Amino acid sequence: MAGPPPFGADRLVTLANWQRPPFNRWSFQHVRELIPTARISRGDGQVWELPRAERYDLDELRFAVQPGELAPDGTLTVREMLEATYTDGFLVLHQGQIVAEQYFNGLRPDVPHLLMSVSKSVTGLVTGALARTGRLDVTQRVETVVPELKGTSFAGATVQQLLDMRTGTRFREDYDDPAAEIAVSDRVFGWAPDDGKPRPADALEYFATLVNDGPHGGPFRYRSILTDVLGLVLERAAGQRFSDLLAGELWQPMGAEYDADITLDGHGDAVADGGISATLRDAGRIGLLALRRGMAAERQVIAPEWFYDTVRGAPDGPEAFARGDGGGPGYPAGAHYRNCWWVTDPGLPMYNAAGIFGQSVFVHVPAQVVVAKLSSWPGALSAPMRRATVAAVTAIASALSQ
């Protein structure tokens, strides 16, 4: 570490505690000091400039939330929401202009912050870039791109099924269970200390240990490991390391302002499902690229059809979503998961990238609004904080549309 975090010498941030409070308030801005990373270079090209048109009144915009969750009276202002949801960075873009940009907890415009599973949506965009140039066909079976996956549980799955989280892979994402597959993958990828027990040596060896508990093409089931398999597929299709591929196909063509980075395991395997750290404004540019259907400044980075397909989804996408992990209250009819993006309101459309501990990039198409929020929640998941964030985004979009 470049100097101890503000918790005292007897409470250093380590691999054993970095994702827990209060340590995550420091560690999410200092991942490269805890875990090996590879640089995602922005190169020396022109930055995608974001003009400024500040709307300071948005801080006091008031909106409704569920009474008793974060506000006894059932309302919050945007300022109150930011405080109540452990916000580190908050950016609002309207019609390509910055109307709000705020930093908390020591975050600065030039400091990368861990994106967690917003990284999945970034990986989805890289897939779209490769598909545009014909280097990858998403209808291919994964073992045709990565022959080592023949004979594993992934044999027969298509690249599109990885993108949509519809393989039959059994993968428990219980963050409190040390025996769950997500905990094992954390040890394999170097996100948690080794417990001394036998385990796979690297990502590819770990993929081969997984089994299926359902058919490929079944219901949507959120399984982070599928994006890591997708990252390997992309590397093989392009013949490049994932960090270099991301830099060349997305970060540089997009006109990113700063380098990003991605965590690596001891064998150099990138954690495509959640290991990217990027600055707040570059996270906003990711959303703006999606809003503009793949156009960054004056350059078409990803084909517009990729975004039409994302919003439209598979013919059975909403039904697969409802039968799987998207079932239950909270999502309108037609909601689905496609190309590593959550399409929460296809009628608008409104879709988003989301990561645990409060990382979000929202794209509200009718209002031409993008909201990026980087956070360090005290727990991996929080339904009240998530609901308050969505309500704030909706209120902001409505206010900026008037």
Protein backbone atom coordinates (compact mmCIF):
# COMPACT_ATOMS: atom_id res chain seq x y z
CA MET A 1 0.00 0.00 0.00
CA ALA A 2 1.10 3.57 -0.67
CA GLY A 3 0.70 4.57 2.94
CA PRO A 4 -1.79 3.12 5.41
CA PRO A 5 -5.50 3.87 5.10
CA PRO A 6 -7.12 5.95 7.83
CA PHE A 7 -7.96 3.07 10.15
CA GLY A 8 -4.81 2.82 12.27
CA ALA A 9 -1.78 0.59 11.93
CA ASP A 10 -3.54 -2.29 13.67
CA ARG A 11 -6.36 -2.32 11.09
CA LEU A 12 -4.58 -2.56 7.75
CA VAL A 13 -6.52 -3.35 4.60
CA THR A 14 -5.80 -6.92 3.47
CA LEU A 15 -7.17 -9.48 1.04
CA ALA A 16 -9.19 -10.86 3.92
CA ASN A 17 -11.08 -7.64 4.68
CA TRP A 18 -10.84 -5.30 1.67
CA GLN A 19 -14.44 -5.84 0.56
CA ARG A 20 -15.86 -5.26 4.06
CA PRO A 21 -16.65 -1.94 5.77
CA PRO A 22 -15.03 0.33 6.64
CA PHE A 23 -12.06 -0.93 4.62
CA ASN A 24 -13.84 -0.92 1.25
CA ARG A 25 -14.22 2.87 1.43
CA TRP A 26 -10.44 2.99 0.93
CA SER A 27 -9.75 -0.20 -1.02
CA PHE A 28 -12.16 0.44 -3.91
CA GLN A 29 -9.94 3.39 -4.85
CA HIS A 30 -6.66 1.50 -4.28
CA VAL A 31 -7.24 -1.94 -5.82
CA ARG A 32 -3.90 -1.95 -7.62
CA GLU A 33 -2.17 -1.75 -4.22
CA LEU A 34 -3.85 -4.98 -3.10
CA ILE A 35 -4.15 -7.16 -6.21
CA PRO A 36 -1.98 -7.41 -9.35
CA THR A 37 -3.46 -5.42 -12.23
CA ALA A 38 -2.89 -4.81 -15.93
CA ARG A 39 -3.15 -1.33 -17.39
CA ILE A 40 -5.91 -0.52 -19.86
CA SER A 41 -4.20 2.24 -21.79
CA ARG A 42 -6.09 5.23 -23.12
CA GLY A 43 -3.24 5.77 -25.58
CA ASP A 44 -2.36 9.23 -26.85
CA GLY A 45 -5.50 9.92 -28.86
CA GLN A 46 -7.98 12.72 -28.44
CA VAL A 47 -10.16 12.71 -25.32
CA TRP A 48 -13.92 12.60 -25.83
CA GLU A 49 -14.70 16.00 -24.40
CA LEU A 50 -17.75 16.39 -22.20
CA PRO A 51 -19.02 20.00 -22.16
CA ARG A 52 -20.28 21.35 -18.85
CA ALA A 53 -23.73 22.77 -18.15
CA GLU A 54 -24.08 22.43 -14.37
CA ARG A 55 -27.51 22.18 -12.77
CA TYR A 56 -26.84 22.83 -9.10
CA ASP A 57 -30.55 22.63 -8.32
CA LEU A 58 -30.51 18.85 -8.82
CA ASP A 59 -29.06 18.42 -5.32
CA GLU A 60 -32.34 19.54 -3.77
CA LEU A 61 -34.59 17.58 -6.13
CA ARG A 62 -36.95 15.59 -3.90
CA PHE A 63 -38.42 12.20 -4.79
CA ALA A 64 -40.37 9.40 -3.15
CA VAL A 65 -38.85 6.27 -1.64
CA GLN A 66 -40.37 3.47 0.38
CA PRO A 67 -41.20 4.86 3.83
CA GLY A 68 -39.04 3.55 6.63
CA GLU A 69 -36.17 2.33 4.45
CA LEU A 70 -33.78 5.26 4.13
CA ALA A 71 -36.21 8.05 5.01
CA PRO A 72 -38.91 7.92 7.72
CA ASP A 73 -41.22 10.25 5.78
CA GLY A 74 -40.77 8.42 2.47
CA THR A 75 -38.91 11.18 0.60
CA LEU A 76 -35.29 12.05 -0.06
CA THR A 77 -33.43 14.76 -1.89
CA VAL A 78 -30.68 13.74 -4.28
CA ARG A 79 -28.16 15.15 -1.80
CA GLU A 80 -29.63 13.02 0.99
CA MET A 81 -29.65 9.93 -1.23
CA LEU A 82 -25.97 10.37 -2.05
CA GLU A 83 -25.10 10.54 1.62
CA ALA A 84 -27.35 7.65 2.63
CA THR A 85 -25.98 5.34 -0.06
CA TYR A 86 -22.25 5.71 0.67
CA THR A 87 -21.52 7.50 -2.60
CA ASP A 88 -17.94 8.01 -3.73
CA GLY A 89 -18.65 9.61 -7.11
CA PHE A 90 -21.78 10.84 -8.87
CA LEU A 91 -22.04 12.04 -12.47
CA VAL A 92 -25.08 13.11 -14.49
CA LEU A 93 -24.86 13.67 -18.25
CA HIS A 94 -27.69 15.25 -20.20
CA GLN A 95 -27.49 15.37 -23.98
CA GLY A 96 -23.78 14.71 -23.71
CA GLN A 97 -23.12 17.53 -21.23
CA ILE A 98 -22.07 17.24 -17.58
CA VAL A 99 -24.85 18.69 -15.46
CA ALA A 100 -23.65 17.26 -12.13
CA GLU A 101 -20.30 15.87 -11.01
CA GLN A 102 -19.54 15.24 -7.35
CA TYR A 103 -16.80 13.41 -5.45
CA PHE A 104 -16.82 12.13 -1.88
CA ASN A 105 -14.65 10.08 0.45
CA GLY A 106 -11.41 11.28 -1.14
CA LEU A 107 -12.21 10.21 -4.69
CA ARG A 108 -10.84 12.54 -7.37
CA PRO A 109 -11.50 12.93 -11.11
CA ASP A 110 -8.21 11.16 -11.95
CA VAL A 111 -8.55 8.27 -9.48
CA PRO A 112 -9.87 4.91 -10.76
CA HIS A 113 -12.61 3.28 -8.69
CA LEU A 114 -13.51 -0.40 -8.78
CA LEU A 115 -16.52 -0.98 -11.07
CA MET A 116 -17.34 -4.46 -9.80
CA SER A 117 -19.91 -5.98 -12.19
CA VAL A 118 -20.24 -2.86 -14.29
CA SER A 119 -17.17 -4.60 -15.74
CA LYS A 120 -19.54 -7.19 -17.22
CA SER A 121 -21.29 -4.55 -19.29
CA VAL A 122 -17.92 -3.21 -20.43
CA THR A 123 -17.00 -6.75 -21.48
CA GLY A 124 -20.29 -6.94 -23.36
CA LEU A 125 -19.34 -3.80 -25.30
CA VAL A 126 -15.97 -5.30 -26.24
CA THR A 127 -17.87 -8.33 -27.54
CA GLY A 128 -19.98 -5.99 -29.66
CA ALA A 129 -16.83 -4.36 -31.04
CA LEU A 130 -15.40 -7.75 -32.10
CA ALA A 131 -18.72 -8.80 -33.59
CA ARG A 132 -18.82 -5.60 -35.65
CA THR A 133 -15.51 -6.40 -37.32
CA GLY A 134 -16.37 -10.06 -37.89
CA ARG A 135 -13.75 -11.49 -35.53
CA LEU A 136 -16.37 -13.16 -33.40
CA ASP A 137 -19.74 -14.70 -34.17
CA VAL A 138 -21.89 -14.75 -31.01
CA THR A 139 -23.82 -17.77 -32.31
CA GLN A 140 -20.60 -19.85 -32.14
CA ARG A 141 -20.20 -22.52 -29.52
CA VAL A 142 -17.57 -21.58 -26.99
CA GLU A 143 -15.49 -24.72 -27.54
CA THR A 144 -14.95 -23.75 -31.17
CA VAL A 145 -13.12 -20.64 -29.92
CA VAL A 146 -11.53 -22.20 -26.83
CA PRO A 147 -10.90 -25.88 -27.63
CA GLU A 148 -9.88 -26.57 -24.02
CA LEU A 149 -13.54 -26.19 -23.07
CA LYS A 150 -14.46 -29.34 -25.00
CA GLY A 151 -15.64 -31.97 -22.57
CA THR A 152 -16.42 -29.41 -19.86
CA SER A 153 -19.81 -28.19 -18.70
CA PHE A 154 -19.52 -25.29 -21.15
CA ALA A 155 -19.45 -27.54 -24.22
CA GLY A 156 -22.49 -26.76 -26.37
CA ALA A 157 -23.03 -23.30 -24.90
CA THR A 158 -22.96 -20.36 -27.31
CA VAL A 159 -21.20 -17.06 -26.86
CA GLN A 160 -24.63 -15.39 -26.79
CA GLN A 161 -25.67 -17.59 -23.88
CA LEU A 162 -22.61 -16.38 -21.95
CA LEU A 163 -23.61 -12.80 -22.75
CA ASP A 164 -27.19 -13.40 -21.57
CA MET A 165 -26.33 -15.61 -18.55
CA ARG A 166 -28.32 -18.52 -19.89
CA THR A 167 -25.95 -21.44 -19.68
CA GLY A 168 -26.74 -24.35 -17.38
CA THR A 169 -23.74 -23.66 -15.12
CA ARG A 170 -24.18 -24.24 -11.41
CA PHE A 171 -22.55 -21.31 -9.64
CA ARG A 172 -23.74 -20.11 -6.27
CA GLU A 173 -23.19 -16.40 -5.81
CA ASP A 174 -23.72 -16.33 -2.04
CA TYR A 175 -21.27 -13.78 -0.69
CA ASP A 176 -21.65 -15.02 2.87
CA ASP A 177 -20.95 -18.71 2.16
CA PRO A 178 -17.21 -19.54 2.13
CA ALA A 179 -17.98 -22.80 0.33
CA ALA A 180 -19.96 -21.18 -2.49
CA GLU A 181 -18.46 -21.20 -5.97
CA ILE A 182 -18.06 -17.40 -5.89
CA ALA A 183 -15.81 -17.76 -2.82
CA VAL A 184 -13.68 -20.38 -4.56
CA SER A 185 -13.35 -18.18 -7.65
CA ASP A 186 -12.26 -15.27 -5.43
CA ARG A 187 -9.38 -17.41 -4.18
CA VAL A 188 -8.49 -18.58 -7.69
CA PHE A 189 -8.51 -15.00 -9.00
CA GLY A 190 -6.55 -13.60 -6.04
CA TRP A 191 -9.41 -11.60 -4.55
CA ALA A 192 -9.23 -13.52 -1.26
CA PRO A 193 -6.39 -15.14 0.68
CA ASP A 194 -5.61 -18.75 -0.10
CA ASP A 195 -7.05 -21.05 2.54
CA GLY A 196 -4.39 -23.72 1.95
CA LYS A 197 -6.87 -26.25 0.60
CA PRO A 198 -6.38 -27.81 -2.85
CA ARG A 199 -7.83 -25.65 -5.60
CA PRO A 200 -7.46 -25.11 -9.35
CA ALA A 201 -4.25 -23.36 -10.36
CA ASP A 202 -5.79 -20.90 -12.80
CA ALA A 203 -9.02 -19.78 -14.42
CA LEU A 204 -9.11 -22.35 -17.22
CA GLU A 205 -8.51 -25.18 -14.77
CA TYR A 206 -11.26 -23.78 -12.56
CA PHE A 207 -13.75 -23.55 -15.45
CA ALA A 208 -13.24 -27.28 -16.02
CA THR A 209 -14.33 -28.10 -12.44
CA LEU A 210 -17.79 -26.54 -12.85
CA VAL A 211 -20.84 -28.65 -13.60
CA ASN A 212 -24.29 -27.95 -14.98
CA ASP A 213 -27.59 -28.24 -13.16
CA GLY A 214 -29.72 -27.32 -16.16
CA PRO A 215 -29.62 -27.08 -19.95
CA HIS A 216 -27.92 -24.34 -21.90
CA GLY A 217 -30.44 -21.80 -23.13
CA GLY A 218 -32.64 -22.12 -20.07
CA PRO A 219 -33.73 -19.38 -17.65
CA PHE A 220 -31.61 -16.34 -16.81
CA ARG A 221 -29.42 -17.06 -13.82
CA TYR A 222 -26.90 -14.47 -12.72
CA ARG A 223 -23.53 -16.23 -12.69
CA SER A 224 -20.44 -14.02 -12.67
CA ILE A 225 -18.13 -16.79 -13.84
CA LEU A 226 -19.82 -16.76 -17.25
CA THR A 227 -18.33 -13.34 -17.98
CA ASP A 228 -14.88 -14.66 -17.08
CA VAL A 229 -15.37 -17.45 -19.61
CA LEU A 230 -16.51 -14.79 -22.07
CA GLY A 231 -13.32 -12.83 -21.41
CA LEU A 232 -11.25 -15.88 -22.34
CA VAL A 233 -13.33 -16.36 -25.51
CA LEU A 234 -12.65 -12.74 -26.48
CA GLU A 235 -8.91 -13.16 -25.90
CA ARG A 236 -8.78 -16.23 -28.14
CA ALA A 237 -10.95 -14.67 -30.86
CA ALA A 238 -8.78 -11.56 -31.02
CA GLY A 239 -5.42 -13.10 -30.18
CA GLN A 240 -4.75 -10.48 -27.50
CA ARG A 241 -4.65 -10.20 -23.72
CA PHE A 242 -7.94 -8.94 -22.39
CA SER A 243 -6.47 -5.67 -21.09
CA ASP A 244 -4.91 -4.87 -24.47
CA LEU A 245 -8.08 -5.90 -26.28
CA LEU A 246 -10.18 -3.63 -24.08
CA ALA A 247 -7.77 -0.76 -24.65
CA GLY A 248 -7.66 -1.15 -28.42
CA GLU A 249 -11.32 -1.91 -29.07
CA LEU A 250 -13.02 0.35 -26.53
CA TRP A 251 -10.93 2.59 -24.28
CA GLN A 252 -8.93 4.28 -27.03
CA PRO A 253 -11.63 4.49 -29.73
CA MET A 254 -14.04 5.83 -27.10
CA GLY A 255 -11.66 8.65 -26.21
CA ALA A 256 -11.24 7.73 -22.55
CA GLU A 257 -9.66 10.43 -20.43
CA TYR A 258 -7.56 8.22 -18.16
CA ASP A 259 -6.03 4.76 -18.13
CA ALA A 260 -8.10 2.10 -16.43
CA ASP A 261 -6.88 -1.22 -15.03
CA ILE A 262 -8.11 -4.74 -14.44
CA THR A 263 -7.14 -7.28 -11.78
CA LEU A 264 -5.18 -10.40 -12.69
CA ASP A 265 -4.69 -13.75 -11.04
CA GLY A 266 -1.23 -15.22 -10.55
CA HIS A 267 -1.26 -16.60 -14.10
CA GLY A 268 -2.24 -13.33 -15.74
CA ASP A 269 -5.92 -14.19 -16.23
CA ALA A 270 -8.08 -11.06 -16.19
CA VAL A 271 -11.17 -10.87 -13.99
CA ALA A 272 -13.60 -9.75 -16.69
CA ASP A 273 -16.64 -10.14 -14.46
CA GLY A 274 -15.74 -7.42 -11.95
CA GLY A 275 -12.09 -6.44 -11.96
CA ILE A 276 -12.07 -3.18 -13.92
CA SER A 277 -11.28 0.10 -12.16
CA ALA A 278 -11.98 3.35 -14.01
CA THR A 279 -12.55 7.01 -13.28
CA LEU A 280 -16.03 8.42 -12.82
CA ARG A 281 -16.06 10.39 -16.07
CA ASP A 282 -14.87 7.40 -18.08
CA ALA A 283 -17.66 5.34 -16.51
CA GLY A 284 -19.99 8.08 -17.73
CA ARG A 285 -18.50 7.82 -21.22
CA ILE A 286 -19.36 4.11 -21.22
CA GLY A 287 -22.99 5.02 -20.58
CA LEU A 288 -22.91 7.78 -23.16
CA LEU A 289 -21.49 5.36 -25.74
CA ALA A 290 -24.44 3.07 -25.06
CA LEU A 291 -26.91 5.97 -25.22
CA ARG A 292 -25.50 7.03 -28.60
CA ARG A 293 -25.69 3.45 -29.93
CA GLY A 294 -21.97 2.93 -30.20
CA MET A 295 -20.97 6.40 -31.40
CA ALA A 296 -18.21 8.13 -29.41
CA ALA A 297 -17.66 11.75 -30.45
CA GLU A 298 -17.54 11.28 -34.24
CA ARG A 299 -16.42 7.65 -34.32
CA GLN A 300 -18.63 4.55 -34.58
CA VAL A 301 -17.03 2.13 -32.10
CA ILE A 302 -19.76 -0.51 -31.93
CA ALA A 303 -22.49 -1.18 -34.48
CA PRO A 304 -25.86 0.43 -33.64
CA GLU A 305 -27.52 -2.95 -34.16
CA TRP A 306 -25.76 -4.23 -31.04
CA PHE A 307 -27.74 -1.79 -28.91
CA TYR A 308 -31.02 -2.38 -30.72
CA ASP A 309 -30.50 -6.07 -30.01
CA THR A 310 -29.67 -5.33 -26.36
CA VAL A 311 -32.88 -3.38 -25.82
CA ARG A 312 -35.03 -5.75 -27.85
CA GLY A 313 -33.55 -8.88 -26.26
CA ALA A 314 -34.04 -12.48 -27.23
CA PRO A 315 -37.56 -13.48 -28.31
CA ASP A 316 -37.89 -15.49 -25.09
CA GLY A 317 -35.68 -13.14 -23.04
CA PRO A 318 -38.37 -11.64 -20.78
CA GLU A 319 -39.86 -15.06 -20.09
CA ALA A 320 -36.41 -16.52 -19.31
CA PHE A 321 -35.73 -13.52 -17.04
CA ALA A 322 -38.99 -13.96 -15.13
CA ARG A 323 -38.47 -17.72 -14.73
CA GLY A 324 -34.98 -17.19 -13.41
CA ASP A 325 -33.23 -14.68 -11.17
CA GLY A 326 -35.31 -11.79 -12.51
CA GLY A 327 -38.53 -13.24 -11.13
CA GLY A 328 -40.51 -11.58 -8.39
CA PRO A 329 -41.50 -7.94 -7.82
CA GLY A 330 -39.38 -5.02 -8.90
CA TYR A 331 -39.20 -5.45 -12.66
CA PRO A 332 -41.83 -4.37 -15.20
CA ALA A 333 -43.13 -6.65 -17.91
CA GLY A 334 -40.55 -7.18 -20.63
CA ALA A 335 -37.50 -6.67 -18.42
CA HIS A 336 -34.56 -8.85 -19.43
CA TYR A 337 -30.79 -9.28 -19.39
CA ARG A 338 -29.03 -9.05 -22.74
CA ASN A 339 -25.40 -8.63 -23.82
CA CYS A 340 -24.36 -8.14 -20.16
CA TRP A 341 -26.78 -5.21 -19.61
CA TRP A 342 -29.88 -5.06 -17.41
CA VAL A 343 -32.80 -3.82 -19.51
CA THR A 344 -35.04 -2.81 -16.64
CA ASP A 345 -37.64 -0.87 -18.61
CA PRO A 346 -37.59 -1.77 -22.32
CA GLY A 347 -40.63 0.39 -22.99
CA LEU A 348 -38.74 3.63 -22.38
CA PRO A 349 -36.08 2.20 -22.92
CA MET A 350 -33.97 2.42 -19.77
CA TYR A 351 -31.11 0.04 -19.14
CA ASN A 352 -28.12 -0.12 -16.86
CA ALA A 353 -24.86 -1.71 -15.80
CA ALA A 354 -24.74 -2.70 -12.14
CA GLY A 355 -22.20 -3.99 -9.64
CA ILE A 356 -22.26 -4.99 -6.01
CA PHE A 357 -21.53 -2.43 -3.30
CA GLY A 358 -23.42 0.20 -5.32
CA GLN A 359 -21.71 0.61 -8.70
CA SER A 360 -24.12 1.75 -11.44
CA VAL A 361 -24.28 3.27 -14.92
CA PHE A 362 -27.83 4.12 -16.02
CA VAL A 363 -28.91 4.94 -19.56
CA HIS A 364 -32.30 6.70 -19.86
CA VAL A 365 -32.92 6.99 -23.58
CA PRO A 366 -36.01 9.28 -23.79
CA ALA A 367 -34.45 11.86 -21.46
CA GLN A 368 -30.98 11.49 -23.07
CA VAL A 369 -29.59 11.07 -19.56
CA VAL A 370 -26.69 8.99 -18.29
CA VAL A 371 -26.03 8.63 -14.55
CA ALA A 372 -22.85 7.02 -13.19
CA LYS A 373 -22.64 6.31 -9.47
CA LEU A 374 -19.63 4.78 -7.72
CA SER A 375 -20.14 3.70 -4.13
CA SER A 376 -18.80 1.69 -1.21
CA TRP A 377 -21.91 0.28 0.43
CA PRO A 378 -21.32 -1.53 3.73
CA GLY A 379 -22.72 -4.72 2.20
CA ALA A 380 -22.58 -6.33 -1.23
CA LEU A 381 -26.33 -5.99 -1.77
CA SER A 382 -28.90 -3.54 -0.45
CA ALA A 383 -32.41 -3.44 -1.88
CA PRO A 384 -33.27 -0.12 -0.13
CA MET A 385 -30.14 1.61 -1.46
CA ARG A 386 -30.70 0.20 -4.92
CA ARG A 387 -34.35 1.32 -4.96
CA ALA A 388 -33.42 4.80 -3.75
CA THR A 389 -30.77 5.11 -6.46
CA VAL A 390 -33.19 4.06 -9.21
CA ALA A 391 -35.83 6.47 -7.88
CA ALA A 392 -33.29 9.30 -7.92
CA VAL A 393 -32.25 8.52 -11.50
CA THR A 394 -35.88 8.46 -12.60
CA ALA A 395 -36.57 11.79 -10.89
CA ILE A 396 -33.48 13.38 -12.42
CA ALA A 397 -34.43 12.16 -15.89
CA SER A 398 -37.92 13.57 -15.46
CA ALA A 399 -36.60 16.93 -14.24
CA LEU A 400 -34.12 17.26 -17.11
CA SER A 401 -36.80 16.38 -19.67
CA GLN A 402 -38.90 19.43 -18.76
